[in-house]
Amino acid sequence: MELSRRQFFRICAGGMAGTTVASLGFLSSFSVHAETRQYKLLKAKETRNNCTYCSVGCGMLMYSLGDTAKNVKESIYHIEGDPDHPVSRGSLCPKGAGVLDYIHSETRLQYPEYRAPGSDKWQRISWDDAINRIARLMKDDRDANFIEKNAQGVTVNRWSTTGMLCSSAASNETGILDGKFARGLGMVAIDCQARLCHGPTVAALAPTFGRGAMTNNWVDIKNANVVLIMGGNAAEAHPVGFKWVVEAQTKNDATVVVVDPRFNRSAAVADLYAPIRAGSDTAFLLGVIRYLLENNQVQHDYVRHYTNASLIIRDDYQFDDGLFSGYDDKKRQYDKSSWLYQLDEQGNALRDETLSHPRCVWNLLKAHVDRYTPEMVNRLCGTSVADFNRICEILASTSVPDRTATILYALGWTHHSAGAQIIRAAAMLQLLLGNIGMAGGGVNALRGHSNIQGY
């Protein structure tokens, strides 16, 4: 279709006139239906909560409709991040932002269901029926298998044929009730996700620091000068918490180092990435400790006054061919009596402040890590000598009082059979650098549930 210039102006003028008439309300069909769109949260009830999908525990604002009158059920229809939350500051990752879909999912189980023996179908039952059936089965099993006294005649009140699997996304109060409930009935088998993903952390950090959880908090990561990420992928698994690593980079000029078998998303934004053979983390960390001791890159005042480096160990303690003294090959366990400190007449541990005694912890540690040379680390871990030495230099730069490093790890350490040893080595590394009790320091476990470390 071809238009002359005069025809084009006529069409434009006609369209403009029609639009003007409509906007002035002369067209009834237009004016009757015109209204201002209401703000969708205008009549909503706001409820604060925490996301449970990882240890960041992001703040959530949940909005629901329903005036709580009789026979009225509230329904959540909008969720967003809580801008007042100190860690997430209004952010939510895809898991948290998608909670609304989980809540209203057609496959979400909202009522108890029962499947009869031999049946392939589930049938819905009432809560009263479910609770009564669970209680009856538990009581029958407890009555039949309860052990009041053991073979030695000692009262044990033990019920070992029924176990309880608890949640790690529950509150501390729920955890206390779970424990009281199970122990009160005499249950022996009690388990939760924390046993698998957090147990090695407790076994390593509790003997080291007196508390088996991350030493610092998410927000404190922004104060670090060096961030070492091993055994985890914080950028992908904890994206909202990782913003504090990014803030340390941008505002504190922090150096981020990732040591991982995979070049992951954390490595993609790191200043230095070094590959490592899976399962060789302990050798890598002990090699770093050897570097610090050999090059005198240690915060001596902290080590001397706040660690056991100066305490003297008994003469019969030994480490030979991969085994410590006191190992019983038949029982496959240790007699740890030789691992104790030498005591004075008052029962206090003997101490050498000069760190020159050959049996003090400092010199025994030196002898223990002496085998982990850069070449040995390269052979065991696969990490190049150049990368390893560079990482050692970066970490050693925080041995001064005004610089700190933080270590972030997750299930890549705790799921190893020797996870406690890996985490213990990381704790020893941070103690030598004086990065404990400091802003931007610590050994920080990044867990998969919002309360797994409190549970």
Protein backbone atom coordinates (compact mmCIF):
# COMPACT_ATOMS: atom_id res chain seq x y z
CA MET A 1 0.00 0.00 0.00
CA GLU A 2 1.34 3.42 -1.03
CA LEU A 3 0.39 6.64 0.76
CA SER A 4 0.85 10.17 -0.39
CA ARG A 5 2.09 12.73 2.05
CA ARG A 6 -1.42 14.30 2.33
CA GLN A 7 -3.02 10.89 3.06
CA PHE A 8 -0.42 10.12 5.73
CA PHE A 9 -1.18 13.38 7.60
CA ARG A 10 -4.94 12.71 7.44
CA ILE A 11 -4.51 9.25 9.05
CA CYS A 12 -2.27 10.63 11.81
CA ALA A 13 -4.67 13.48 12.59
CA GLY A 14 -7.64 11.12 12.73
CA GLY A 15 -5.86 8.74 15.12
CA MET A 16 -4.80 11.59 17.39
CA ALA A 17 -8.34 12.95 17.55
CA GLY A 18 -9.75 9.55 18.48
CA THR A 19 -7.19 9.08 21.24
CA THR A 20 -7.96 12.54 22.67
CA VAL A 21 -11.70 11.91 22.73
CA ALA A 22 -11.24 8.58 24.49
CA SER A 23 -8.88 9.96 27.12
CA LEU A 24 -11.33 12.81 27.94
CA GLY A 25 -14.02 10.26 28.79
CA PHE A 26 -16.37 10.80 25.85
CA LEU A 27 -16.27 7.08 25.06
CA SER A 28 -18.42 5.39 27.72
CA SER A 29 -16.94 1.93 27.19
CA PHE A 30 -13.50 3.33 28.00
CA SER A 31 -14.37 5.53 30.99
CA VAL A 32 -16.59 3.02 32.79
CA HIS A 33 -13.83 0.41 33.10
CA ALA A 34 -10.96 2.78 33.84
CA GLU A 35 -9.51 2.56 37.38
CA THR A 36 -6.20 2.83 39.19
CA ARG A 37 -4.52 -0.52 39.82
CA GLN A 38 -4.30 -1.25 43.54
CA TYR A 39 -1.00 -2.08 45.22
CA LYS A 40 -1.05 -5.86 45.54
CA LEU A 41 0.24 -5.89 49.15
CA LEU A 42 -2.27 -3.28 50.35
CA LYS A 43 -4.42 -5.64 52.46
CA ALA A 44 -1.81 -8.30 53.12
CA LYS A 45 -0.53 -9.61 56.43
CA GLU A 46 3.28 -9.46 56.61
CA THR A 47 5.18 -12.26 58.36
CA ARG A 48 8.95 -12.41 58.86
CA ASN A 49 10.79 -15.70 58.52
CA ASN A 50 14.14 -17.22 57.57
CA CYS A 51 14.87 -19.29 54.51
CA THR A 52 15.93 -22.83 55.49
CA TYR A 53 17.65 -23.91 52.27
CA CYS A 54 21.24 -23.17 53.33
CA SER A 55 23.26 -21.80 56.22
CA VAL A 56 22.96 -18.18 55.09
CA GLY A 57 19.43 -18.13 56.56
CA CYS A 58 18.26 -15.21 54.43
CA GLY A 59 15.45 -13.05 55.79
CA MET A 60 12.06 -13.42 54.12
CA LEU A 61 8.94 -11.29 54.09
CA MET A 62 5.87 -13.47 53.46
CA TYR A 63 2.56 -11.83 52.54
CA SER A 64 -0.77 -13.58 53.00
CA LEU A 65 -4.48 -12.84 52.74
CA GLY A 66 -7.11 -13.97 55.23
CA ASP A 67 -8.53 -12.10 58.23
CA THR A 68 -8.12 -15.09 60.64
CA ALA A 69 -11.90 -15.29 61.06
CA LYS A 70 -13.55 -18.66 61.60
CA ASN A 71 -13.39 -20.94 58.56
CA VAL A 72 -11.00 -18.51 56.83
CA LYS A 73 -7.64 -19.93 55.81
CA GLU A 74 -4.70 -17.64 55.20
CA SER A 75 -2.93 -18.06 51.89
CA ILE A 76 0.60 -16.86 51.09
CA TYR A 77 0.69 -15.18 47.69
CA HIS A 78 3.92 -13.15 47.69
CA ILE A 79 7.43 -13.60 49.09
CA GLU A 80 10.39 -11.25 48.92
CA GLY A 81 13.71 -10.66 50.67
CA ASP A 82 13.84 -8.81 53.97
CA PRO A 83 15.91 -5.62 53.50
CA ASP A 84 16.43 -5.36 57.28
CA HIS A 85 18.10 -8.77 57.56
CA PRO A 86 21.78 -8.19 58.48
CA VAL A 87 23.19 -10.98 56.30
CA SER A 88 21.03 -11.13 53.18
CA ARG A 89 20.05 -7.40 53.08
CA GLY A 90 16.96 -8.10 50.98
CA SER A 91 18.49 -10.65 48.63
CA LEU A 92 17.18 -14.12 47.89
CA CYS A 93 18.76 -16.78 45.70
CA PRO A 94 16.62 -18.83 43.26
CA LYS A 95 15.83 -21.40 45.97
CA GLY A 96 14.53 -18.76 48.38
CA ALA A 97 12.77 -16.78 45.69
CA GLY A 98 11.02 -19.94 44.51
CA VAL A 99 9.54 -20.83 47.91
CA LEU A 100 6.11 -19.66 46.77
CA ASP A 101 6.09 -22.36 44.12
CA TYR A 102 7.02 -24.99 46.71
CA ILE A 103 4.25 -23.84 49.04
CA HIS A 104 1.54 -24.11 46.38
CA SER A 105 2.97 -27.12 44.56
CA GLU A 106 0.40 -29.76 43.64
CA THR A 107 2.79 -32.48 44.80
CA ARG A 108 3.34 -30.97 48.26
CA LEU A 109 2.28 -33.37 51.04
CA GLN A 110 -0.02 -31.56 53.46
CA TYR A 111 -1.82 -34.41 55.21
CA PRO A 112 -0.81 -37.77 56.70
CA GLU A 113 -1.18 -40.74 54.41
CA TYR A 114 -1.12 -44.47 55.08
CA ARG A 115 -0.14 -47.36 52.86
CA ALA A 116 -1.35 -50.77 54.00
CA PRO A 117 1.04 -53.74 53.90
CA GLY A 118 1.23 -55.11 50.36
CA SER A 119 -0.65 -52.18 48.88
CA ASP A 120 0.67 -49.85 46.20
CA LYS A 121 -1.68 -47.01 47.08
CA TRP A 122 -1.59 -44.30 49.73
CA GLN A 123 -4.78 -43.28 51.48
CA ARG A 124 -5.34 -40.06 53.38
CA ILE A 125 -6.06 -40.38 57.09
CA SER A 126 -6.74 -37.86 59.85
CA TRP A 127 -4.08 -36.45 62.14
CA ASP A 128 -5.69 -38.20 65.11
CA ASP A 129 -5.49 -41.55 63.35
CA ALA A 130 -1.85 -40.94 62.35
CA ILE A 131 -0.75 -39.93 65.85
CA ASN A 132 -2.61 -42.81 67.46
CA ARG A 133 -1.10 -45.33 65.07
CA ILE A 134 2.46 -44.00 65.53
CA ALA A 135 2.05 -44.00 69.32
CA ARG A 136 0.64 -47.54 69.32
CA LEU A 137 3.45 -48.93 67.14
CA MET A 138 6.09 -47.22 69.28
CA LYS A 139 4.61 -48.45 72.55
CA ASP A 140 4.24 -52.02 71.33
CA ASP A 141 7.85 -52.10 70.13
CA ARG A 142 9.14 -50.48 73.32
CA ASP A 143 7.23 -52.87 75.55
CA ALA A 144 8.59 -55.83 73.62
CA ASN A 145 12.24 -54.72 73.37
CA PHE A 146 12.95 -52.36 76.28
CA ILE A 147 16.15 -53.18 78.17
CA GLU A 148 16.06 -52.13 81.80
CA LYS A 149 19.37 -53.69 82.89
CA ASN A 150 22.37 -54.88 80.91
CA ALA A 151 24.29 -58.15 81.35
CA GLN A 152 26.24 -56.67 84.26
CA GLY A 153 23.06 -55.74 86.10
CA VAL A 154 23.52 -52.01 85.54
CA THR A 155 20.32 -50.03 84.95
CA VAL A 156 20.45 -48.68 81.38
CA ASN A 157 16.75 -48.13 80.41
CA ARG A 158 17.62 -48.63 76.77
CA TRP A 159 15.35 -48.91 73.72
CA SER A 160 17.48 -49.86 70.74
CA THR A 161 14.95 -51.23 68.22
CA THR A 162 13.40 -47.91 67.17
CA GLY A 163 15.33 -44.92 65.83
CA MET A 164 14.48 -41.28 65.23
CA LEU A 165 15.58 -39.16 62.25
CA CYS A 166 15.39 -35.46 63.09
CA SER A 167 15.55 -32.28 61.02
CA SER A 168 18.54 -29.96 60.82
CA ALA A 169 16.42 -27.08 59.55
CA ALA A 170 14.51 -26.86 62.83
CA SER A 171 14.96 -24.34 65.61
CA ASN A 172 17.10 -24.87 68.70
CA GLU A 173 13.91 -25.29 70.73
CA THR A 174 12.68 -28.04 68.43
CA GLY A 175 16.04 -29.76 68.72
CA ILE A 176 15.87 -29.68 72.51
CA LEU A 177 12.38 -31.19 72.43
CA ASP A 178 13.52 -33.88 69.98
CA GLY A 179 16.36 -34.81 72.30
CA LYS A 180 14.23 -34.86 75.43
CA PHE A 181 11.53 -36.89 73.69
CA ALA A 182 13.90 -39.52 72.29
CA ARG A 183 16.16 -39.80 75.35
CA GLY A 184 13.22 -39.84 77.69
CA LEU A 185 11.93 -42.95 75.93
CA GLY A 186 15.38 -44.55 76.05
CA MET A 187 16.11 -44.35 72.31
CA VAL A 188 19.71 -44.99 71.34
CA ALA A 189 19.55 -44.40 67.57
CA ILE A 190 19.00 -40.67 67.00
CA ASP A 191 20.29 -39.09 63.81
CA CYS A 192 20.05 -35.93 61.72
CA GLN A 193 21.79 -34.34 58.75
CA ALA A 194 24.22 -32.58 61.09
CA ARG A 195 25.85 -35.88 61.97
CA LEU A 196 26.92 -36.33 58.36
CA CYS A 197 27.73 -32.81 57.20
CA HIS A 198 28.75 -31.15 60.48
CA GLY A 199 30.04 -33.97 62.71
CA PRO A 200 33.69 -33.73 61.56
CA THR A 201 33.61 -29.98 62.20
CA VAL A 202 32.57 -30.54 65.81
CA ALA A 203 35.24 -33.22 66.24
CA ALA A 204 37.90 -30.79 64.93
CA LEU A 205 36.88 -27.30 66.07
CA ALA A 206 35.49 -28.16 69.52
CA PRO A 207 38.82 -29.56 70.82
CA THR A 208 40.63 -26.64 69.17
CA PHE A 209 38.47 -23.68 70.15
CA GLY A 210 35.98 -25.10 72.66
CA ARG A 211 33.05 -24.75 70.28
CA GLY A 212 32.23 -26.92 67.28
CA ALA A 213 30.87 -24.35 64.85
CA MET A 214 32.11 -21.60 62.54
CA THR A 215 34.22 -19.14 64.52
CA ASN A 216 32.99 -15.97 62.82
CA ASN A 217 29.85 -14.90 60.96
CA TRP A 218 28.87 -14.18 57.38
CA VAL A 219 29.05 -10.41 57.63
CA ASP A 220 32.54 -10.56 59.17
CA ILE A 221 33.96 -12.02 55.95
CA LYS A 222 33.99 -8.48 54.53
CA ASN A 223 36.85 -7.66 56.95
CA ALA A 224 39.19 -10.33 55.58
CA ASN A 225 42.33 -9.51 53.64
CA VAL A 226 42.63 -13.06 52.30
CA VAL A 227 39.80 -15.54 51.68
CA LEU A 228 40.79 -19.19 51.19
CA ILE A 229 37.99 -21.39 49.81
CA MET A 230 38.63 -25.13 49.97
CA GLY A 231 36.21 -28.02 50.20
CA GLY A 232 33.30 -25.91 49.05
CA ASN A 233 31.85 -23.73 46.32
CA ALA A 234 30.35 -20.77 48.16
CA ALA A 235 29.52 -18.73 45.05
CA GLU A 236 27.12 -21.42 43.85
CA ALA A 237 25.98 -23.12 47.06
CA HIS A 238 25.66 -19.92 49.16
CA PRO A 239 25.24 -17.14 46.57
CA VAL A 240 23.71 -14.55 48.91
CA GLY A 241 26.34 -15.14 51.61
CA PHE A 242 29.04 -14.92 48.96
CA LYS A 243 28.24 -11.25 48.52
CA TRP A 244 30.38 -10.66 51.64
CA VAL A 245 33.35 -12.27 49.87
CA VAL A 246 32.74 -9.95 46.94
CA GLU A 247 32.50 -7.01 49.34
CA ALA A 248 35.85 -8.01 50.85
CA GLN A 249 37.30 -7.97 47.33
CA THR A 250 35.84 -4.64 46.29
CA LYS A 251 36.05 -2.65 49.52
CA ASN A 252 38.92 -4.32 51.40
CA ASP A 253 41.07 -5.29 48.40
CA ALA A 254 40.98 -8.90 49.62
CA THR A 255 42.70 -11.69 47.72
CA VAL A 256 40.42 -14.68 47.09
CA VAL A 257 42.11 -18.06 46.64
CA VAL A 258 40.23 -21.19 45.56
CA VAL A 259 41.80 -24.64 45.88
CA ASP A 260 39.46 -27.25 44.44
CA PRO A 261 39.49 -30.23 42.07
CA ARG A 262 37.02 -28.35 39.82
CA PHE A 263 37.21 -24.90 38.31
CA ASN A 264 33.89 -23.86 39.83
CA ARG A 265 31.97 -20.60 40.05
CA SER A 266 33.92 -19.51 43.12
CA ALA A 267 37.13 -20.03 41.15
CA ALA A 268 35.69 -17.96 38.30
CA VAL A 269 35.73 -14.82 40.48
CA ALA A 270 38.86 -15.68 42.49
CA ASP A 271 42.22 -13.97 42.21
CA LEU A 272 44.01 -17.31 42.20
CA TYR A 273 42.81 -20.83 41.46
CA ALA A 274 44.85 -23.97 42.08
CA PRO A 275 43.67 -27.50 41.31
CA ILE A 276 44.05 -30.25 43.89
CA ARG A 277 43.58 -34.00 43.87
CA ALA A 278 40.38 -34.98 45.69
CA GLY A 279 41.06 -36.16 49.24
CA SER A 280 44.56 -34.67 49.54
CA ASP A 281 43.55 -31.50 51.42
CA THR A 282 45.31 -32.50 54.65
CA ALA A 283 48.66 -32.86 52.90
CA PHE A 284 48.15 -29.46 51.26
CA LEU A 285 47.38 -27.71 54.57
CA LEU A 286 50.23 -29.41 56.43
CA GLY A 287 52.51 -28.27 53.62
CA VAL A 288 51.36 -24.69 54.22
CA ILE A 289 52.06 -25.12 57.95
CA ARG A 290 55.57 -26.36 57.12
CA TYR A 291 56.13 -23.27 54.95
CA LEU A 292 55.07 -20.96 57.79
CA LEU A 293 57.35 -22.67 60.30
CA GLU A 294 60.34 -22.86 57.95
CA ASN A 295 60.05 -19.21 56.91
CA ASN A 296 59.18 -17.86 60.37
CA GLN A 297 55.87 -16.48 59.07
CA VAL A 298 54.08 -16.99 62.39
CA GLN A 299 52.46 -14.55 64.81
CA HIS A 300 54.70 -15.54 67.72
CA ASP A 301 53.05 -13.54 70.49
CA TYR A 302 49.69 -15.12 69.78
CA VAL A 303 51.13 -18.63 69.41
CA ARG A 304 53.15 -18.38 72.60
CA HIS A 305 50.37 -17.04 74.82
CA TYR A 306 47.16 -18.42 73.34
CA THR A 307 48.04 -21.89 72.02
CA ASN A 308 49.60 -25.02 73.50
CA ALA A 309 52.77 -24.65 71.40
CA SER A 310 54.95 -24.19 74.50
CA LEU A 311 53.53 -27.15 76.47
CA ILE A 312 55.76 -30.21 76.84
CA ILE A 313 54.52 -33.67 75.82
CA ARG A 314 55.41 -36.94 77.58
CA ASP A 315 58.58 -38.72 76.47
CA ASP A 316 56.74 -41.90 75.44
CA TYR A 317 54.67 -40.09 72.80
CA GLN A 318 55.78 -41.03 69.30
CA PHE A 319 54.65 -40.84 65.68
CA ASP A 320 56.10 -43.53 63.46
CA ASP A 321 55.14 -44.91 60.05
CA GLY A 322 51.76 -43.19 60.01
CA LEU A 323 50.68 -44.28 63.50
CA PHE A 324 50.79 -42.50 66.83
CA SER A 325 51.95 -44.23 69.99
CA GLY A 326 49.42 -46.34 71.88
CA TYR A 327 47.79 -47.99 68.87
CA ASP A 328 46.32 -51.44 69.50
CA ASP A 329 46.24 -53.37 66.24
CA LYS A 330 43.75 -55.96 67.53
CA LYS A 331 41.27 -53.44 68.92
CA ARG A 332 42.04 -50.95 66.12
CA GLN A 333 42.00 -48.05 68.58
CA TYR A 334 44.42 -45.84 70.50
CA ASP A 335 45.43 -45.72 74.14
CA LYS A 336 45.92 -41.95 74.42
CA SER A 337 47.68 -41.90 77.81
CA SER A 338 51.06 -41.21 76.15
CA TRP A 339 49.65 -38.15 74.41
CA LEU A 340 49.33 -36.14 77.64
CA TYR A 341 51.45 -33.22 78.84
CA GLN A 342 54.26 -33.53 81.33
CA LEU A 343 53.09 -32.25 84.73
CA ASP A 344 54.80 -30.48 87.65
CA GLU A 345 54.28 -31.23 91.35
CA GLN A 346 51.04 -29.23 91.41
CA GLY A 347 49.62 -31.14 88.44
CA ASN A 348 50.05 -28.25 85.99
CA ALA A 349 51.41 -28.82 82.47
CA LEU A 350 55.08 -28.00 82.02
CA ARG A 351 55.75 -25.12 79.65
CA ASP A 352 58.77 -23.82 77.73
CA GLU A 353 58.15 -20.22 76.67
CA THR A 354 61.31 -20.23 74.53
CA LEU A 355 59.92 -23.04 72.37
CA SER A 356 63.34 -24.70 72.43
CA HIS A 357 62.49 -27.88 74.37
CA PRO A 358 62.59 -30.86 71.96
CA ARG A 359 59.35 -32.29 73.42
CA CYS A 360 57.27 -29.12 73.30
CA VAL A 361 54.31 -29.07 70.92
CA TRP A 362 56.03 -26.51 68.68
CA ASN A 363 58.99 -28.76 67.87
CA LEU A 364 56.91 -31.92 67.63
CA LEU A 365 54.71 -30.14 65.07
CA LYS A 366 57.81 -29.09 63.14
CA ALA A 367 58.98 -32.69 62.98
CA HIS A 368 55.53 -33.92 62.00
CA VAL A 369 55.09 -31.58 59.00
CA ASP A 370 58.71 -31.70 57.86
CA ARG A 371 57.89 -34.33 55.21
CA TYR A 372 55.36 -32.07 53.42
CA THR A 373 57.77 -30.19 51.19
CA PRO A 374 56.45 -28.34 48.10
CA GLU A 375 57.63 -31.27 46.01
CA MET A 376 55.79 -33.76 48.23
CA VAL A 377 52.64 -31.61 48.07
CA ASN A 378 52.97 -31.56 44.30
CA ARG A 379 53.27 -35.37 44.21
CA LEU A 380 50.35 -36.00 46.59
CA CYS A 381 47.99 -33.18 45.61
CA GLY A 382 48.85 -32.53 41.99
CA THR A 383 49.14 -28.80 42.68
CA SER A 384 52.10 -27.18 40.92
CA VAL A 385 54.99 -26.07 43.10
CA ALA A 386 54.63 -22.51 41.81
CA ASP A 387 50.93 -22.31 42.68
CA PHE A 388 51.51 -23.89 46.07
CA ASN A 389 54.32 -21.49 46.98
CA ARG A 390 52.24 -18.51 45.81
CA ILE A 391 49.33 -19.56 48.03
CA CYS A 392 51.72 -20.01 50.97
CA GLU A 393 53.03 -16.49 50.45
CA ILE A 394 49.51 -15.04 50.29
CA LEU A 395 48.47 -16.77 53.52
CA ALA A 396 51.77 -15.91 55.23
CA SER A 397 51.10 -12.21 54.58
CA THR A 398 48.39 -12.38 57.27
CA SER A 399 50.80 -13.40 60.04
CA VAL A 400 51.14 -9.70 60.93
CA PRO A 401 48.72 -8.19 63.50
CA ASP A 402 46.91 -5.89 61.05
CA ARG A 403 45.99 -8.47 58.37
CA THR A 404 43.68 -11.47 58.58
CA ALA A 405 42.66 -14.46 56.49
CA THR A 406 39.47 -16.49 56.67
CA ILE A 407 39.00 -20.09 55.55
CA LEU A 408 35.64 -21.11 54.06
CA TYR A 409 34.78 -24.77 53.59
CA ALA A 410 31.74 -27.01 53.24
CA LEU A 411 30.93 -30.65 52.54
CA GLY A 412 34.02 -31.09 50.39
CA TRP A 413 35.88 -31.46 53.70
CA THR A 414 33.30 -32.87 56.08
CA HIS A 415 32.19 -35.73 53.81
CA HIS A 416 35.68 -37.26 53.75
CA SER A 417 36.37 -40.18 56.07
CA ALA A 418 39.27 -38.07 57.38
CA GLY A 419 37.27 -34.82 57.44
CA ALA A 420 38.09 -34.10 61.08
CA GLN A 421 41.83 -34.18 60.29
CA ILE A 422 41.42 -31.77 57.38
CA ILE A 423 39.50 -29.25 59.48
CA ARG A 424 41.89 -29.68 62.41
CA ALA A 425 44.80 -28.88 60.08
CA ALA A 426 43.00 -25.71 58.92
CA ALA A 427 42.45 -24.69 62.56
CA MET A 428 46.14 -25.19 63.36
CA LEU A 429 47.04 -23.09 60.32
CA GLN A 430 44.86 -20.22 61.53
CA LEU A 431 46.25 -20.46 65.07
CA LEU A 432 49.80 -20.13 63.77
CA LEU A 433 48.81 -17.04 61.76
CA GLY A 434 46.97 -15.51 64.73
CA ASN A 435 43.74 -15.31 62.73
CA ILE A 436 41.48 -16.53 65.53
CA GLY A 437 39.43 -14.01 67.50
CA MET A 438 40.11 -11.42 64.82
CA ALA A 439 37.74 -9.56 62.51
CA GLY A 440 37.97 -11.19 59.11
CA GLY A 441 39.64 -14.34 60.43
CA GLY A 442 38.54 -17.74 61.63
CA VAL A 443 37.62 -21.15 60.28
CA ASN A 444 34.13 -20.92 58.87
CA ALA A 445 32.02 -23.94 58.01
CA LEU A 446 29.33 -23.20 55.42
CA ARG A 447 26.49 -25.60 56.08
CA GLY A 448 23.48 -26.73 54.09
CA HIS A 449 20.75 -25.87 56.61
CA SER A 450 20.00 -22.60 58.33
CA ASN A 451 20.39 -24.05 61.86
CA ILE A 452 22.54 -27.12 61.46
CA GLN A 453 25.28 -25.66 63.66
CA GLY A 454 22.81 -24.72 66.39
CA TYR A 455 21.02 -28.05 66.29
